[in-house]
Amino acid sequence: MDMDAAYPLDTGFSYRRSGEPDCAALEDELSRVYGAERVVITNSGMEAITTMFDWVLPVSGKIVINKNLYHETRLWLKLIRRHETLSVDMEDLEALAAAARNANIVYLDFPGVFPHKCNLAEIEKIAHTNGAALCVDNSVASFNYVNPLKAGADYVVESYSKYVTGGNDTMAGAIAIRKVRNKARLNAFLSWRGRSIHPVTAHQIRKGIETLPIRMERIQMSASALDEALKRSGFNCLYNGYGCIMLPGYDDRLCKRLRMFKTRTTFGANVSICTASYRPDLYDFGQSYVRLSVGLENNSMLIQDVLRAAKEVKVNE
């Protein structure tokens, strides 16, 4: 069947999952921001991830992922059992080159909540030399700081539920696509998959984008100050350079002692959030950890709160 004939490109806005004017206008704006041929807004970051995989690789294939990739992505790949999935440390370019032979997708988060030093430019060369699409999850930094398309990525997925909207009250995501080979097929795929974006969601994303740069500047400043204060006080912590700090060896007892951090299983909000690992085995980390996602509150008060609580709880007590 000729998809272009079966599903015309210009369908108008007759049915929401086939197109919605507020969403379409926002996607056009975001395409210019990313330098993408197309941006697809989704109802969550996870929907962006699974939609991207199913569009790029609709049949079984081989996917190479970075170790300590977002655990729900790994669980989804394991659940569907359709693809051969190899997990490697992409800081080791030789290991990646060996794993990427005959691969269809090379996928990593860049940067990650767990700090890593992956060389995206070298990873791009390895992926494309092997004929694989390079796909990157950019949720941790947001497009305000990092745009992997400029480093050669073919697809970028991002959870807009995090920093982009900021209020911790909106579920949304996006896929930025460098080059769309068949626009009519993509439109059909999205409609028949059931994507349906409410105009209010588009409005909330737009409002978040308006304040994103100034919010991220404040968050990064406060997170850097907290990281420095913890290290000066002798605490072992890992900082990804944006808004999240990992404290290895701590658990939910630390979260219970914090007064300025909300205990939630997310990050990237305007409020500071503390998340304890509920299953340390989901990541190759070797121990429990607490993730601190810094928000917009008073910087000195956040530092005092964390230092006090961390001193009250002994590691591996």
Protein backbone atom coordinates (compact mmCIF):
# COMPACT_ATOMS: atom_id res chain seq x y z
CA MET A 1 0.00 0.00 0.00
CA ASP A 2 1.21 3.50 -0.85
CA MET A 3 1.10 5.22 2.53
CA ASP A 4 1.14 8.69 0.98
CA ALA A 5 -2.00 7.81 -0.98
CA ALA A 6 -3.65 5.96 1.90
CA TYR A 7 -3.04 8.72 4.41
CA PRO A 8 -2.71 12.22 2.88
CA LEU A 9 -0.17 14.49 4.50
CA ASP A 10 -2.56 17.45 4.91
CA THR A 11 -5.37 16.05 7.06
CA GLY A 12 -6.41 19.25 8.81
CA PHE A 13 -7.64 19.15 12.39
CA SER A 14 -10.70 16.96 12.05
CA TYR A 15 -9.76 14.52 14.84
CA ARG A 16 -7.51 15.20 17.82
CA ARG A 17 -5.17 12.26 17.46
CA SER A 18 -4.68 13.21 13.81
CA GLY A 19 -3.77 16.80 14.70
CA GLU A 20 -4.57 19.59 17.12
CA PRO A 21 -3.80 23.25 16.27
CA ASP A 22 -2.23 24.34 19.59
CA CYS A 23 -0.03 21.25 19.65
CA ALA A 24 0.93 21.62 15.98
CA ALA A 25 1.93 25.27 16.43
CA LEU A 26 4.04 24.42 19.48
CA GLU A 27 5.71 21.52 17.65
CA ASP A 28 6.69 23.92 14.85
CA GLU A 29 8.23 26.32 17.37
CA LEU A 30 10.12 23.53 19.10
CA SER A 31 11.41 22.23 15.77
CA ARG A 32 13.15 25.56 15.27
CA VAL A 33 14.56 25.44 18.82
CA TYR A 34 16.05 21.96 18.34
CA GLY A 35 16.97 22.42 14.69
CA ALA A 36 14.82 19.37 13.96
CA GLU A 37 12.71 18.60 10.93
CA ARG A 38 9.93 17.51 13.26
CA VAL A 39 9.16 17.58 16.97
CA VAL A 40 6.44 15.26 18.26
CA ILE A 41 4.83 16.15 21.59
CA THR A 42 3.68 13.19 23.66
CA ASN A 43 1.71 12.71 26.86
CA SER A 44 4.75 11.69 28.93
CA GLY A 45 8.46 11.15 28.67
CA MET A 46 7.93 7.40 28.69
CA GLU A 47 5.50 7.68 25.77
CA ALA A 48 8.17 9.63 23.89
CA ILE A 49 10.68 6.83 24.53
CA THR A 50 8.43 3.94 23.49
CA THR A 51 7.04 5.84 20.49
CA MET A 52 10.57 6.59 19.32
CA PHE A 53 11.65 2.95 19.59
CA ASP A 54 8.58 1.66 17.75
CA TRP A 55 8.98 4.25 14.98
CA VAL A 56 12.70 3.69 14.45
CA LEU A 57 12.57 -0.08 14.84
CA PRO A 58 9.06 -1.49 14.23
CA VAL A 59 10.36 -5.06 13.82
CA SER A 60 12.85 -6.97 15.93
CA GLY A 61 16.40 -5.65 15.93
CA LYS A 62 19.48 -4.90 17.98
CA ILE A 63 19.68 -2.03 20.46
CA VAL A 64 22.81 -1.01 22.36
CA ILE A 65 22.16 0.97 25.54
CA ASN A 66 24.40 2.67 28.08
CA LYS A 67 24.62 1.03 31.48
CA ASN A 68 22.57 2.74 34.19
CA LEU A 69 20.14 4.00 31.57
CA TYR A 70 16.77 5.06 33.00
CA HIS A 71 15.52 1.84 34.56
CA GLU A 72 11.97 2.01 33.16
CA THR A 73 13.37 2.13 29.63
CA ARG A 74 15.37 -1.01 30.36
CA LEU A 75 12.35 -2.68 31.93
CA TRP A 76 10.22 -1.86 28.87
CA LEU A 77 12.80 -3.32 26.48
CA LYS A 78 12.88 -6.45 28.62
CA LEU A 79 9.09 -6.64 28.79
CA ILE A 80 8.42 -6.55 25.04
CA ARG A 81 11.14 -9.16 24.33
CA ARG A 82 11.29 -8.13 20.69
CA HIS A 83 14.80 -6.74 20.46
CA GLU A 84 18.25 -7.97 21.28
CA THR A 85 19.45 -5.48 23.88
CA LEU A 86 23.07 -5.09 24.89
CA SER A 87 24.11 -2.92 27.84
CA VAL A 88 27.63 -1.46 27.77
CA ASP A 89 29.61 1.26 29.47
CA MET A 90 29.73 3.87 26.70
CA GLU A 91 32.67 5.59 28.34
CA ASP A 92 34.56 2.55 26.98
CA LEU A 93 34.52 3.32 23.26
CA GLU A 94 36.18 0.03 22.31
CA ALA A 95 33.46 -1.93 24.11
CA LEU A 96 30.82 0.20 22.42
CA ALA A 97 32.36 -0.34 18.97
CA ALA A 98 32.31 -4.10 19.51
CA ALA A 99 28.71 -4.09 20.75
CA ALA A 100 27.48 -1.77 17.98
CA ARG A 101 28.25 -4.15 15.12
CA ASN A 102 25.00 -4.82 13.23
CA ALA A 103 23.10 -2.63 15.70
CA ASN A 104 19.98 -0.72 14.66
CA ILE A 105 19.95 1.78 17.55
CA VAL A 106 22.56 3.16 19.93
CA TYR A 107 20.75 4.75 22.86
CA LEU A 108 21.93 6.64 25.93
CA ASP A 109 20.94 9.40 28.32
CA PHE A 110 23.18 12.43 27.92
CA PRO A 111 23.78 13.67 30.47
CA GLY A 112 22.48 11.18 33.02
CA VAL A 113 21.20 11.38 36.58
CA PHE A 114 24.10 9.05 37.36
CA PRO A 115 27.05 11.18 36.19
CA HIS A 116 29.05 9.74 33.31
CA LYS A 117 31.71 11.08 30.93
CA CYS A 118 30.48 9.73 27.62
CA ASN A 119 31.94 11.37 24.51
CA LEU A 120 28.84 12.00 22.41
CA ALA A 121 30.81 12.99 19.31
CA GLU A 122 32.75 9.71 19.34
CA ILE A 123 29.60 7.72 20.09
CA GLU A 124 27.95 9.37 17.06
CA LYS A 125 30.81 8.20 14.84
CA ILE A 126 30.57 4.63 16.11
CA ALA A 127 26.78 4.50 15.74
CA HIS A 128 26.71 5.89 12.21
CA THR A 129 29.72 3.86 11.07
CA ASN A 130 27.69 0.78 11.94
CA GLY A 131 24.52 2.12 10.28
CA ALA A 132 22.73 2.57 13.62
CA ALA A 133 20.49 5.47 14.59
CA LEU A 134 21.83 7.49 17.52
CA CYS A 135 19.04 8.20 20.02
CA VAL A 136 19.53 10.30 23.15
CA ASP A 137 17.43 10.94 26.26
CA ASN A 138 17.98 14.59 27.19
CA SER A 139 15.58 14.85 30.15
CA VAL A 140 18.25 15.54 32.76
CA ALA A 141 19.61 18.78 31.26
CA SER A 142 16.66 19.83 29.06
CA PHE A 143 17.14 21.54 25.72
CA ASN A 144 17.94 24.71 27.66
CA TYR A 145 21.49 23.40 28.20
CA VAL A 146 22.07 20.48 25.84
CA ASN A 147 20.89 19.73 22.30
CA PRO A 148 22.24 16.33 21.20
CA LEU A 149 20.94 16.89 17.65
CA LYS A 150 23.79 19.36 17.20
CA ALA A 151 26.23 16.58 18.13
CA GLY A 152 24.82 14.30 15.44
CA ALA A 153 22.00 12.48 17.22
CA ASP A 154 19.16 11.35 14.97
CA TYR A 155 16.48 11.37 17.67
CA VAL A 156 16.25 13.15 21.01
CA VAL A 157 13.60 12.25 23.58
CA GLU A 158 12.82 14.41 26.55
CA SER A 159 10.44 14.31 29.49
CA TYR A 160 8.80 17.72 29.65
CA SER A 161 7.28 16.65 32.99
CA LYS A 162 10.66 17.56 34.47
CA TYR A 163 12.49 20.88 34.03
CA VAL A 164 10.62 22.13 30.96
CA THR A 165 7.24 22.53 32.71
CA GLY A 166 8.79 22.66 36.19
CA GLY A 167 5.62 22.64 38.26
CA ASN A 168 5.59 18.87 38.83
CA ASP A 169 1.95 18.97 37.72
CA THR A 170 2.16 18.27 33.97
CA MET A 171 2.73 14.99 32.16
CA ALA A 172 4.33 15.59 28.77
CA GLY A 173 7.27 14.60 26.61
CA ALA A 174 8.71 15.15 23.17
CA ILE A 175 10.68 13.51 20.36
CA ALA A 176 12.95 15.73 18.25
CA ILE A 177 13.67 14.10 14.88
CA ARG A 178 16.59 15.26 12.75
CA LYS A 179 15.25 13.97 9.43
CA VAL A 180 11.80 12.53 8.62
CA ARG A 181 11.98 10.26 5.60
CA ASN A 182 8.24 9.79 5.17
CA LYS A 183 6.06 12.49 6.73
CA ALA A 184 2.77 10.88 5.77
CA ARG A 185 3.80 7.57 7.34
CA LEU A 186 4.85 9.33 10.55
CA ASN A 187 1.51 11.15 10.75
CA ALA A 188 -0.33 7.87 10.23
CA PHE A 189 1.82 6.09 12.79
CA LEU A 190 1.17 8.74 15.46
CA SER A 191 -2.58 8.84 14.79
CA TRP A 192 -3.09 5.09 14.70
CA ARG A 193 -0.91 4.65 17.79
CA GLY A 194 -3.42 6.83 19.63
CA ARG A 195 -1.43 9.95 20.46
CA SER A 196 -3.81 12.68 21.65
CA ILE A 197 -2.49 15.93 23.15
CA HIS A 198 -4.87 18.21 25.03
CA PRO A 199 -4.60 21.95 24.26
CA VAL A 200 -4.10 22.61 27.99
CA THR A 201 -0.96 20.44 27.90
CA ALA A 202 0.41 22.48 25.01
CA HIS A 203 -0.35 25.65 26.97
CA GLN A 204 1.46 24.35 30.08
CA ILE A 205 4.52 23.43 28.02
CA ARG A 206 4.55 26.85 26.40
CA LYS A 207 4.31 28.59 29.82
CA GLY A 208 7.14 26.45 31.14
CA ILE A 209 9.40 27.32 28.21
CA GLU A 210 8.92 31.04 28.92
CA THR A 211 10.64 30.75 32.32
CA LEU A 212 12.91 27.75 31.65
CA PRO A 213 16.22 29.66 31.20
CA ILE A 214 15.93 31.70 34.40
CA ARG A 215 14.72 28.69 36.42
CA MET A 216 17.55 26.48 35.17
CA GLU A 217 20.10 29.20 35.93
CA ARG A 218 18.91 29.38 39.55
CA ILE A 219 18.69 25.59 39.92
CA GLN A 220 22.18 25.02 38.54
CA MET A 221 23.64 27.75 40.76
CA SER A 222 22.03 26.28 43.89
CA ALA A 223 22.94 22.69 43.01
CA SER A 224 26.57 23.63 42.42
CA ALA A 225 26.69 25.45 45.77
CA LEU A 226 25.16 22.44 47.55
CA ASP A 227 27.63 20.07 45.89
CA GLU A 228 30.57 22.24 46.99
CA ALA A 229 29.23 22.51 50.56
CA LEU A 230 28.79 18.74 50.86
CA LYS A 231 32.27 18.03 49.55
CA ARG A 232 33.84 20.64 51.85
CA SER A 233 32.11 18.90 54.76
CA GLY A 234 33.58 15.53 53.75
CA PHE A 235 30.51 13.90 52.22
CA ASN A 236 30.80 11.64 49.19
CA CYS A 237 28.45 12.97 46.52
CA LEU A 238 28.09 12.80 42.75
CA TYR A 239 26.93 15.86 40.83
CA ASN A 240 25.81 15.71 37.20
CA GLY A 241 26.48 19.40 36.57
CA TYR A 242 22.82 20.44 36.33
CA GLY A 243 20.30 19.94 39.12
CA CYS A 244 20.71 16.48 40.66
CA ILE A 245 23.12 15.30 43.34
CA MET A 246 23.54 11.64 44.30
CA LEU A 247 24.48 10.63 47.85
CA PRO A 248 25.73 7.01 47.79
CA GLY A 249 25.07 4.86 50.83
CA TYR A 250 22.07 6.80 52.12
CA ASP A 251 18.47 5.63 52.15
CA ASP A 252 14.98 6.92 53.00
CA ARG A 253 16.05 7.78 56.56
CA LEU A 254 17.80 10.81 55.11
CA CYS A 255 14.66 11.84 53.20
CA LYS A 256 12.62 11.66 56.41
CA ARG A 257 14.98 14.10 58.13
CA LEU A 258 14.98 16.68 55.36
CA ARG A 259 12.60 19.59 55.92
CA MET A 260 12.84 21.51 52.64
CA PHE A 261 12.77 18.54 50.24
CA LYS A 262 9.59 16.78 49.11
CA THR A 263 9.81 12.99 48.99
CA ARG A 264 8.76 12.04 45.46
CA THR A 265 9.94 9.67 42.72
CA THR A 266 10.80 12.34 40.18
CA PHE A 267 13.20 15.24 39.63
CA GLY A 268 13.42 18.54 37.81
CA ALA A 269 10.69 20.45 39.63
CA ASN A 270 10.62 24.00 40.94
CA VAL A 271 10.50 22.50 44.43
CA SER A 272 13.40 20.49 45.84
CA ILE A 273 12.84 16.73 45.81
CA CYS A 274 14.47 13.85 47.67
CA THR A 275 14.26 10.34 46.20
CA ALA A 276 15.64 7.24 47.92
CA SER A 277 16.46 4.15 45.87
CA TYR A 278 13.70 1.65 46.45
CA ARG A 279 15.50 -1.05 44.45
CA PRO A 280 19.27 -0.56 44.35
CA ASP A 281 19.52 -3.55 41.99
CA LEU A 282 17.92 -1.51 39.20
CA TYR A 283 21.24 0.28 38.69
CA ASP A 284 24.83 -0.93 38.58
CA PHE A 285 25.70 1.19 41.58
CA GLY A 286 26.52 -1.37 44.27
CA GLN A 287 24.66 0.32 47.12
CA SER A 288 21.64 2.35 48.07
CA TYR A 289 21.56 6.04 47.26
CA VAL A 290 19.55 9.21 47.69
CA ARG A 291 18.98 11.62 44.80
CA LEU A 292 18.58 15.30 45.63
CA SER A 293 16.87 17.35 42.94
CA VAL A 294 17.43 21.03 43.75
CA GLY A 295 14.62 23.51 43.23
CA LEU A 296 14.12 27.26 43.51
CA GLU A 297 14.09 27.65 47.30
CA ASN A 298 16.56 29.77 49.26
CA ASN A 299 20.03 28.44 48.53
CA SER A 300 21.57 28.78 51.99
CA MET A 301 18.55 27.18 53.65
CA LEU A 302 18.76 24.17 51.33
CA ILE A 303 22.43 23.72 52.17
CA GLN A 304 21.79 23.95 55.91
CA ASP A 305 18.94 21.45 55.65
CA VAL A 306 21.00 18.84 53.79
CA LEU A 307 24.11 19.20 55.94
CA ARG A 308 22.06 18.88 59.13
CA ALA A 309 20.14 15.83 57.93
CA ALA A 310 23.20 14.09 56.47
CA LYS A 311 25.10 14.49 59.75
CA GLU A 312 22.17 12.96 61.65
CA VAL A 313 22.23 9.83 59.50
CA LYS A 314 25.32 7.68 59.34
CA VAL A 315 26.04 5.95 56.06
CA ASN A 316 25.15 2.23 56.20
CA GLU A 317 24.09 2.67 59.83
